[in-house]
C-alpha atoms as a PDB file:
ATOM      1  CA  MET A   1      94.057  65.571 -94.275  1.00  0.00           C
ATOM      2  CA  PRO A   2      94.054  61.949 -93.423  1.00  0.00           C
ATOM      3  CA  HIS A   3      97.682  60.169 -92.743  1.00  0.00           C
ATOM      4  CA  THR A   4      97.880  56.471 -91.906  1.00  0.00           C
ATOM      5  CA  THR A   5     101.016  55.584 -89.197  1.00  0.00           C
ATOM      6  CA  ASN A   6     101.224  51.433 -88.154  1.00  0.00           C
ATOM      7  CA  GLY A   7      97.772  50.993 -89.587  1.00  0.00           C
ATOM      8  CA  VAL A   8      95.857  53.901 -87.485  1.00  0.00           C
ATOM      9  CA  GLU A   9      94.155  56.514 -89.433  1.00  0.00           C
ATOM     10  CA  SER A  10      94.608  60.300 -87.935  1.00  0.00           C
ATOM     11  CA  HIS A  11      94.182  64.070 -89.389  1.00  0.00           C
ATOM     12  CA  LEU A  12      96.788  66.339 -89.711  1.00  0.00           C
ATOM     13  CA  ASP A  13      97.215  70.096 -89.741  1.00  0.00           C
ATOM     14  CA  ASP A  14      97.962  72.260 -92.720  1.00  0.00           C
ATOM     15  CA  GLY A  15     101.139  72.851 -91.473  1.00  0.00           C
ATOM     16  CA  ASP A  16     102.068  68.597 -90.987  1.00  0.00           C
ATOM     17  CA  VAL A  17     101.219  68.449 -94.962  1.00  0.00           C
ATOM     18  CA  GLU A  18     104.732  69.136 -96.256  1.00  0.00           C
ATOM     19  CA  ALA A  19     106.706  67.237 -93.687  1.00  0.00           C
ATOM     20  CA  LEU A  20     104.239  64.134 -94.415  1.00  0.00           C
ATOM     21  CA  ALA A  21     104.956  64.290 -98.199  1.00  0.00           C
ATOM     22  CA  ILE A  22     108.680  64.516 -97.225  1.00  0.00           C
ATOM     23  CA  ALA A  23     108.665  61.486 -94.921  1.00  0.00           C
ATOM     24  CA  ARG A  24     106.457  59.362 -97.542  1.00  0.00           C
ATOM     25  CA  ALA A  25     109.312  60.107-100.238  1.00  0.00           C
ATOM     26  CA  GLU A  26     111.843  59.076 -97.911  1.00  0.00           C
ATOM     27  CA  ASP A  27     109.857  55.903 -97.445  1.00  0.00           C
ATOM     28  CA  VAL A  28     109.167  55.324-101.104  1.00  0.00           C
ATOM     29  CA  ALA A  29     113.318  55.691-101.390  1.00  0.00           C
ATOM     30  CA  ALA A  30     113.949  53.299 -98.763  1.00  0.00           C
ATOM     31  CA  SER A  31     111.400  50.949-100.310  1.00  0.00           C
ATOM     32  CA  GLN A  32     113.332  51.423-103.809  1.00  0.00           C
ATOM     33  CA  ARG A  33     116.666  50.305-101.880  1.00  0.00           C
ATOM     34  CA  ARG A  34     115.632  47.609-100.262  1.00  0.00           C
ATOM     35  CA  VAL A  35     113.940  46.146-103.838  1.00  0.00           C
ATOM     36  CA  ARG A  36     117.308  46.930-105.516  1.00  0.00           C
ATOM     37  CA  HIS A  37     119.693  45.528-103.009  1.00  0.00           C
ATOM     38  CA  ILE A  38     117.965  42.224-103.308  1.00  0.00           C
ATOM     39  CA  THR A  39     117.127  42.131-107.463  1.00  0.00           C
ATOM     40  CA  GLY A  40     119.638  44.493-108.235  1.00  0.00           C
ATOM     41  CA  ILE A  41     117.163  46.299-110.729  1.00  0.00           C
ATOM     42  CA  GLU A  42     115.341  49.604-110.435  1.00  0.00           C
ATOM     43  CA  PRO A  43     111.535  48.494-109.213  1.00  0.00           C
ATOM     44  CA  SER A  44     109.146  50.070-111.581  1.00  0.00           C
ATOM     45  CA  ARG A  45     106.811  50.957-108.379  1.00  0.00           C
ATOM     46  CA  THR A  46     106.869  50.090-104.806  1.00  0.00           C
ATOM     47  CA  PHE A  47     104.297  48.580-102.168  1.00  0.00           C
ATOM     48  CA  ASP A  48     101.625  50.644-100.545  1.00  0.00           C
ATOM     49  CA  HIS A  49     102.894  50.376 -97.026  1.00  0.00           C
ATOM     50  CA  GLU A  50     100.119  52.298 -95.329  1.00  0.00           C
ATOM     51  CA  LYS A  51      97.318  49.861 -96.999  1.00  0.00           C
ATOM     52  CA  ILE A  52      99.340  47.055 -95.697  1.00  0.00           C
ATOM     53  CA  ALA A  53      99.850  48.444 -92.301  1.00  0.00           C
ATOM     54  CA  ARG A  54      95.994  48.938 -92.249  1.00  0.00           C
ATOM     55  CA  ALA A  55      95.813  45.027 -93.183  1.00  0.00           C
ATOM     56  CA  VAL A  56      97.990  44.118 -90.493  1.00  0.00           C
ATOM     57  CA  ARG A  57      96.188  46.149 -87.993  1.00  0.00           C
ATOM     58  CA  MET A  58      92.932  44.482 -88.530  1.00  0.00           C
ATOM     59  CA  LEU A  59      94.321  41.037 -88.796  1.00  0.00           C
ATOM     60  CA  PHE A  60      95.619  41.851 -85.024  1.00  0.00           C
ATOM     61  CA  GLU A  61      91.921  42.995 -84.071  1.00  0.00           C
ATOM     62  CA  ALA A  62      90.214  39.927 -85.899  1.00  0.00           C
ATOM     63  CA  ILE A  63      92.254  37.327 -83.742  1.00  0.00           C
ATOM     64  CA  GLY A  64      91.683  39.440 -80.737  1.00  0.00           C
ATOM     65  CA  GLU A  65      94.501  40.733 -79.862  1.00  0.00           C
ATOM     66  CA  ASP A  66      95.289  44.236 -79.041  1.00  0.00           C
ATOM     67  CA  PRO A  67      97.101  46.151 -81.832  1.00  0.00           C
ATOM     68  CA  ASP A  68      98.228  48.943 -79.238  1.00  0.00           C
ATOM     69  CA  ARG A  69      99.924  46.756 -76.691  1.00  0.00           C
ATOM     70  CA  PRO A  70     103.640  47.687 -76.612  1.00  0.00           C
ATOM     71  CA  GLY A  71     104.752  44.081 -78.193  1.00  0.00           C
ATOM     72  CA  ILE A  72     102.919  44.551 -81.339  1.00  0.00           C
ATOM     73  CA  ALA A  73     102.173  48.621 -81.622  1.00  0.00           C
ATOM     74  CA  ASP A  74     104.740  48.910 -84.531  1.00  0.00           C
ATOM     75  CA  THR A  75     104.464  45.477 -86.021  1.00  0.00           C
ATOM     76  CA  PRO A  76     102.010  46.719 -88.829  1.00  0.00           C
ATOM     77  CA  ALA A  77     104.981  49.324 -90.181  1.00  0.00           C
ATOM     78  CA  ARG A  78     107.471  46.433 -89.432  1.00  0.00           C
ATOM     79  CA  VAL A  79     105.548  43.984 -91.465  1.00  0.00           C
ATOM     80  CA  ALA A  80     105.095  46.605 -94.332  1.00  0.00           C
ATOM     81  CA  ARG A  81     108.947  47.166 -95.062  1.00  0.00           C
ATOM     82  CA  GLU A  82     109.094  43.346 -94.427  1.00  0.00           C
ATOM     83  CA  TYR A  83     107.127  43.067 -97.542  1.00  0.00           C
ATOM     84  CA  ASP A  84     109.616  45.097 -99.599  1.00  0.00           C
ATOM     85  CA  GLU A  85     111.852  42.009 -99.043  1.00  0.00           C
ATOM     86  CA  ILE A  86     110.145  39.079 -98.747  1.00  0.00           C
ATOM     87  CA  PHE A  87     108.061  39.964-102.141  1.00  0.00           C
ATOM     88  CA  ALA A  88     110.234  41.997-104.208  1.00  0.00           C
ATOM     89  CA  GLY A  89     110.330  39.690-106.866  1.00  0.00           C
ATOM     90  CA  LEU A  90     106.657  40.982-107.884  1.00  0.00           C
ATOM     91  CA  LEU A  91     108.445  44.444-108.293  1.00  0.00           C
ATOM     92  CA  VAL A  92     110.688  43.540-111.053  1.00  0.00           C
ATOM     93  CA  ASP A  93     110.627  41.435-114.567  1.00  0.00           C
ATOM     94  CA  PRO A  94     112.516  38.125-113.943  1.00  0.00           C
ATOM     95  CA  ALA A  95     114.296  38.218-117.102  1.00  0.00           C
ATOM     96  CA  ASP A  96     115.525  41.509-116.253  1.00  0.00           C
ATOM     97  CA  VAL A  97     118.157  40.258-114.228  1.00  0.00           C
ATOM     98  CA  LEU A  98     119.684  38.699-116.890  1.00  0.00           C
ATOM     99  CA  SER A  99     120.180  41.589-118.943  1.00  0.00           C
ATOM    100  CA  VAL A 100     123.867  41.329-118.973  1.00  0.00           C
ATOM    101  CA  THR A 101     125.403  38.881-120.994  1.00  0.00           C
ATOM    102  CA  PHE A 102     128.563  37.515-122.808  1.00  0.00           C
ATOM    103  CA  ASP A 103     129.647  36.136-125.666  1.00  0.00           C
ATOM    104  CA  GLU A 104     131.995  33.836-124.980  1.00  0.00           C
ATOM    105  CA  ALA A 105     131.731  30.973-127.638  1.00  0.00           C
ATOM    106  CA  TYR A 106     130.919  28.467-124.871  1.00  0.00           C
ATOM    107  CA  ASP A 107     128.879  25.450-125.977  1.00  0.00           C
ATOM    108  CA  GLU A 108     129.103  23.452-122.704  1.00  0.00           C
ATOM    109  CA  ILE A 109     126.671  23.240-119.855  1.00  0.00           C
ATOM    110  CA  VAL A 110     126.511  25.762-117.486  1.00  0.00           C
ATOM    111  CA  MET A 111     124.784  24.695-114.132  1.00  0.00           C
ATOM    112  CA  MET A 112     124.696  26.148-110.270  1.00  0.00           C
ATOM    113  CA  ARG A 113     123.483  24.146-107.490  1.00  0.00           C
ATOM    114  CA  ASP A 114     122.453  24.136-104.175  1.00  0.00           C
ATOM    115  CA  ILE A 115     120.861  28.448-104.888  1.00  0.00           C
ATOM    116  CA  GLU A 116     119.118  28.424-101.502  1.00  0.00           C
ATOM    117  CA  PHE A 117     115.994  30.324-101.375  1.00  0.00           C
ATOM    118  CA  HIS A 118     112.945  31.552 -99.129  1.00  0.00           C
ATOM    119  CA  SER A 119     109.548  31.811-100.484  1.00  0.00           C
ATOM    120  CA  MET A 120     105.815  32.138 -99.741  1.00  0.00           C
ATOM    121  CA  CYS A 121     103.288  29.746-100.659  1.00  0.00           C
ATOM    122  CA  GLU A 122     100.116  31.507-101.664  1.00  0.00           C
ATOM    123  CA  HIS A 123      97.571  29.284-100.100  1.00  0.00           C
ATOM    124  CA  HIS A 124      98.474  30.101 -97.019  1.00  0.00           C
ATOM    125  CA  LEU A 125     100.913  32.574 -96.624  1.00  0.00           C
ATOM    126  CA  VAL A 126     103.360  30.751 -94.427  1.00  0.00           C
ATOM    127  CA  PRO A 127     107.326  30.061 -95.650  1.00  0.00           C
ATOM    128  CA  PHE A 128     108.554  27.365 -98.505  1.00  0.00           C
ATOM    129  CA  THR A 129     112.197  27.124 -98.117  1.00  0.00           C
ATOM    130  CA  GLY A 130     114.561  24.938-100.317  1.00  0.00           C
ATOM    131  CA  HIS A 131     117.561  24.536-102.816  1.00  0.00           C
ATOM    132  CA  ALA A 132     117.176  25.406-106.662  1.00  0.00           C
ATOM    133  CA  HIS A 133     119.378  23.942-109.586  1.00  0.00           C
ATOM    134  CA  VAL A 134     119.706  25.540-112.757  1.00  0.00           C
ATOM    135  CA  ALA A 135     121.175  24.682-115.644  1.00  0.00           C
ATOM    136  CA  TYR A 136     121.325  25.448-119.362  1.00  0.00           C
ATOM    137  CA  LEU A 137     123.134  24.828-122.545  1.00  0.00           C
ATOM    138  CA  PRO A 138     124.342  28.314-124.491  1.00  0.00           C
ATOM    139  CA  ASN A 139     123.209  29.054-127.908  1.00  0.00           C
ATOM    140  CA  ALA A 140     125.110  28.982-131.026  1.00  0.00           C
ATOM    141  CA  SER A 141     126.572  31.919-130.177  1.00  0.00           C
ATOM    142  CA  GLY A 142     128.005  31.373-126.415  1.00  0.00           C
ATOM    143  CA  GLN A 143     125.837  33.443-124.970  1.00  0.00           C
ATOM    144  CA  VAL A 144     126.300  33.304-121.278  1.00  0.00           C
ATOM    145  CA  THR A 145     125.317  35.177-118.073  1.00  0.00           C
ATOM    146  CA  GLY A 146     127.309  36.084-114.882  1.00  0.00           C
ATOM    147  CA  LEU A 147     127.031  33.235-112.048  1.00  0.00           C
ATOM    148  CA  SER A 148     125.733  35.702-109.771  1.00  0.00           C
ATOM    149  CA  LYS A 149     122.768  36.540-112.132  1.00  0.00           C
ATOM    150  CA  LEU A 150     121.733  32.691-111.999  1.00  0.00           C
ATOM    151  CA  ALA A 151     121.244  32.970-107.900  1.00  0.00           C
ATOM    152  CA  ARG A 152     119.913  36.557-107.894  1.00  0.00           C
ATOM    153  CA  LEU A 153     117.151  35.082-110.621  1.00  0.00           C
ATOM    154  CA  VAL A 154     115.909  32.412-108.143  1.00  0.00           C
ATOM    155  CA  ASP A 155     115.692  35.070-105.561  1.00  0.00           C
ATOM    156  CA  VAL A 156     113.386  37.135-107.978  1.00  0.00           C
ATOM    157  CA  CYS A 157     111.391  34.130-108.618  1.00  0.00           C
ATOM    158  CA  ALA A 158     111.114  33.444-105.134  1.00  0.00           C
ATOM    159  CA  LYS A 159     110.068  36.655-103.701  1.00  0.00           C
ATOM    160  CA  ARG A 160     106.551  36.270-104.019  1.00  0.00           C
ATOM    161  CA  PRO A 161     103.382  34.430-103.306  1.00  0.00           C
ATOM    162  CA  GLY A 162     103.698  31.665-105.193  1.00  0.00           C
ATOM    163  CA  LEU A 163     103.787  27.674-106.013  1.00  0.00           C
ATOM    164  CA  GLN A 164     106.953  25.730-106.318  1.00  0.00           C
ATOM    165  CA  GLU A 165     105.597  24.551-109.689  1.00  0.00           C
ATOM    166  CA  ARG A 166     105.147  27.776-111.109  1.00  0.00           C
ATOM    167  CA  MET A 167     108.531  29.345-109.646  1.00  0.00           C
ATOM    168  CA  THR A 168     110.336  26.372-111.272  1.00  0.00           C
ATOM    169  CA  ALA A 169     108.953  27.249-114.536  1.00  0.00           C
ATOM    170  CA  MET A 170     109.102  31.075-114.283  1.00  0.00           C
ATOM    171  CA  ILE A 171     112.929  30.409-113.784  1.00  0.00           C
ATOM    172  CA  ALA A 172     113.265  28.252-117.028  1.00  0.00           C
ATOM    173  CA  ASP A 173     110.639  31.107-119.035  1.00  0.00           C
ATOM    174  CA  ALA A 174     113.260  33.712-117.727  1.00  0.00           C
ATOM    175  CA  LEU A 175     116.624  32.227-119.398  1.00  0.00           C
ATOM    176  CA  GLU A 176     114.497  31.236-122.281  1.00  0.00           C
ATOM    177  CA  ARG A 177     113.623  34.687-122.596  1.00  0.00           C
ATOM    178  CA  ALA A 178     116.831  36.374-122.018  1.00  0.00           C
ATOM    179  CA  LEU A 179     119.312  33.684-123.247  1.00  0.00           C
ATOM    180  CA  ASP A 180     117.683  31.713-125.977  1.00  0.00           C
ATOM    181  CA  PRO A 181     119.586  28.629-124.694  1.00  0.00           C
ATOM    182  CA  ARG A 182     119.733  25.423-126.523  1.00  0.00           C
ATOM    183  CA  GLY A 183     118.232  23.741-123.398  1.00  0.00           C
ATOM    184  CA  VAL A 184     117.125  24.810-119.857  1.00  0.00           C
ATOM    185  CA  MET A 185     116.865  22.239-116.657  1.00  0.00           C
ATOM    186  CA  VAL A 186     115.940  23.556-113.498  1.00  0.00           C
ATOM    187  CA  VAL A 187     115.055  21.327-110.517  1.00  0.00           C
ATOM    188  CA  VAL A 188     113.730  23.051-107.059  1.00  0.00           C
ATOM    189  CA  GLU A 189     113.877  20.559-103.882  1.00  0.00           C
ATOM    190  CA  ALA A 190     111.912  22.532-100.807  1.00  0.00           C
ATOM    191  CA  ARG A 191     110.125  21.953 -97.645  1.00  0.00           C
ATOM    192  CA  HIS A 192     106.948  23.753 -97.240  1.00  0.00           C
ATOM    193  CA  PHE A 193     105.521  25.056 -94.042  1.00  0.00           C
ATOM    194  CA  CYS A 194     101.605  24.522 -94.592  1.00  0.00           C
ATOM    195  CA  MET A 195     102.751  20.972 -94.287  1.00  0.00           C
ATOM    196  CA  GLU A 196     104.305  20.847 -91.546  1.00  0.00           C
ATOM    197  CA  MET A 197     102.847  23.636 -89.307  1.00  0.00           C
ATOM    198  CA  ARG A 198      99.203  22.576 -90.123  1.00  0.00           C
ATOM    199  CA  GLY A 199      97.193  20.662 -91.926  1.00  0.00           C
ATOM    200  CA  ILE A 200      98.835  16.822 -92.614  1.00  0.00           C
ATOM    201  CA  ARG A 201     101.795  17.961 -90.163  1.00  0.00           C
ATOM    202  CA  LYS A 202     104.574  15.743 -92.027  1.00  0.00           C
ATOM    203  CA  PRO A 203     108.108  17.596 -91.060  1.00  0.00           C
ATOM    204  CA  GLY A 204     111.302  17.311 -93.435  1.00  0.00           C
ATOM    205  CA  ALA A 205     108.934  16.332 -96.316  1.00  0.00           C
ATOM    206  CA  GLN A 206     110.528  17.165 -99.378  1.00  0.00           C
ATOM    207  CA  THR A 207     108.861  18.443-102.807  1.00  0.00           C
ATOM    208  CA  VAL A 208     110.894  18.032-105.924  1.00  0.00           C
ATOM    209  CA  THR A 209     109.518  19.686-109.041  1.00  0.00           C
ATOM    210  CA  SER A 210     111.407  20.187-112.352  1.00  0.00           C
ATOM    211  CA  THR A 211     111.038  21.898-116.024  1.00  0.00           C
ATOM    212  CA  VAL A 212     113.289  20.344-118.565  1.00  0.00           C
ATOM    213  CA  ARG A 213     113.342  21.864-122.260  1.00  0.00           C
ATOM    214  CA  GLY A 214     115.278  21.995-125.451  1.00  0.00           C
ATOM    215  CA  LYS A 215     118.493  19.524-125.649  1.00  0.00           C
ATOM    216  CA  PHE A 216     117.886  18.265-121.742  1.00  0.00           C
ATOM    217  CA  ARG A 217     114.310  17.147-123.053  1.00  0.00           C
ATOM    218  CA  ASP A 218     115.067  15.992-126.323  1.00  0.00           C
ATOM    219  CA  ASP A 219     118.530  14.669-126.448  1.00  0.00           C
ATOM    220  CA  PRO A 220     119.088  11.369-123.968  1.00  0.00           C
ATOM    221  CA  LYS A 221     122.797  11.756-123.638  1.00  0.00           C
ATOM    222  CA  THR A 222     122.807  15.788-122.878  1.00  0.00           C
ATOM    223  CA  ARG A 223     119.886  14.877-120.318  1.00  0.00           C
ATOM    224  CA  ALA A 224     122.409  12.296-118.538  1.00  0.00           C
ATOM    225  CA  GLU A 225     125.056  14.676-118.342  1.00  0.00           C
ATOM    226  CA  ALA A 226     123.026  17.069-116.828  1.00  0.00           C
ATOM    227  CA  MET A 227     121.437  14.881-114.154  1.00  0.00           C
ATOM    228  CA  THR A 228     125.203  13.245-113.526  1.00  0.00           C
ATOM    229  CA  LEU A 229     126.327  17.158-113.032  1.00  0.00           C
ATOM    230  CA  LEU A 230     123.358  17.603-110.825  1.00  0.00           C
ATOM    231  CA  LYS A 231     124.102  14.758-108.434  1.00  0.00           C
ATOM    232  CA  GLY A 232     127.451  16.165-108.332  1.00  0.00           C
END
């Protein structure tokens, strides 16, 4: 039976098949725990760690590295486990993060500023990192969600290969789906290492994106109030 360890395929005797099945089950369980710790949600699937490890090994070979040298021999497996963390958002629905809500009859702005995040540019697979500011105006029944859920929502939307513009809209989409608020405002500020490590090489440049919907878009007074809160 073929088996891959650190990207290297080998063949197992029949007596090892049961041990392999147990090891794979433990790997899946560990993967689910890592994703659940980050997202707070039980993932519906897991990543293919063996395929990731093979790909990383091939990458080392393609750039002329020896994938078996001591410093990187275990890197394929480490990267496979790492992807459970940095791409965990792919395994859950962002709106599910906000599944617990409370009818508090609260009708004023709810805002969380400076939510730190780390994401991965889908064009070059290098990080972009920054802060998100999230605000919503509860619906007529005053439905709100826990404050920690806003921070977790940003994490789930960030932990995937993506674009800052799409991430900004994704956060707003999830808020609208889960809370049906009267207004949503999301502002994201980030540094993109694809612009700092390569290409144009402009360290420290900040990219700002926003999504503004509902009363925050249509009512100048409500929008101005939110911008005042955003600026602190």
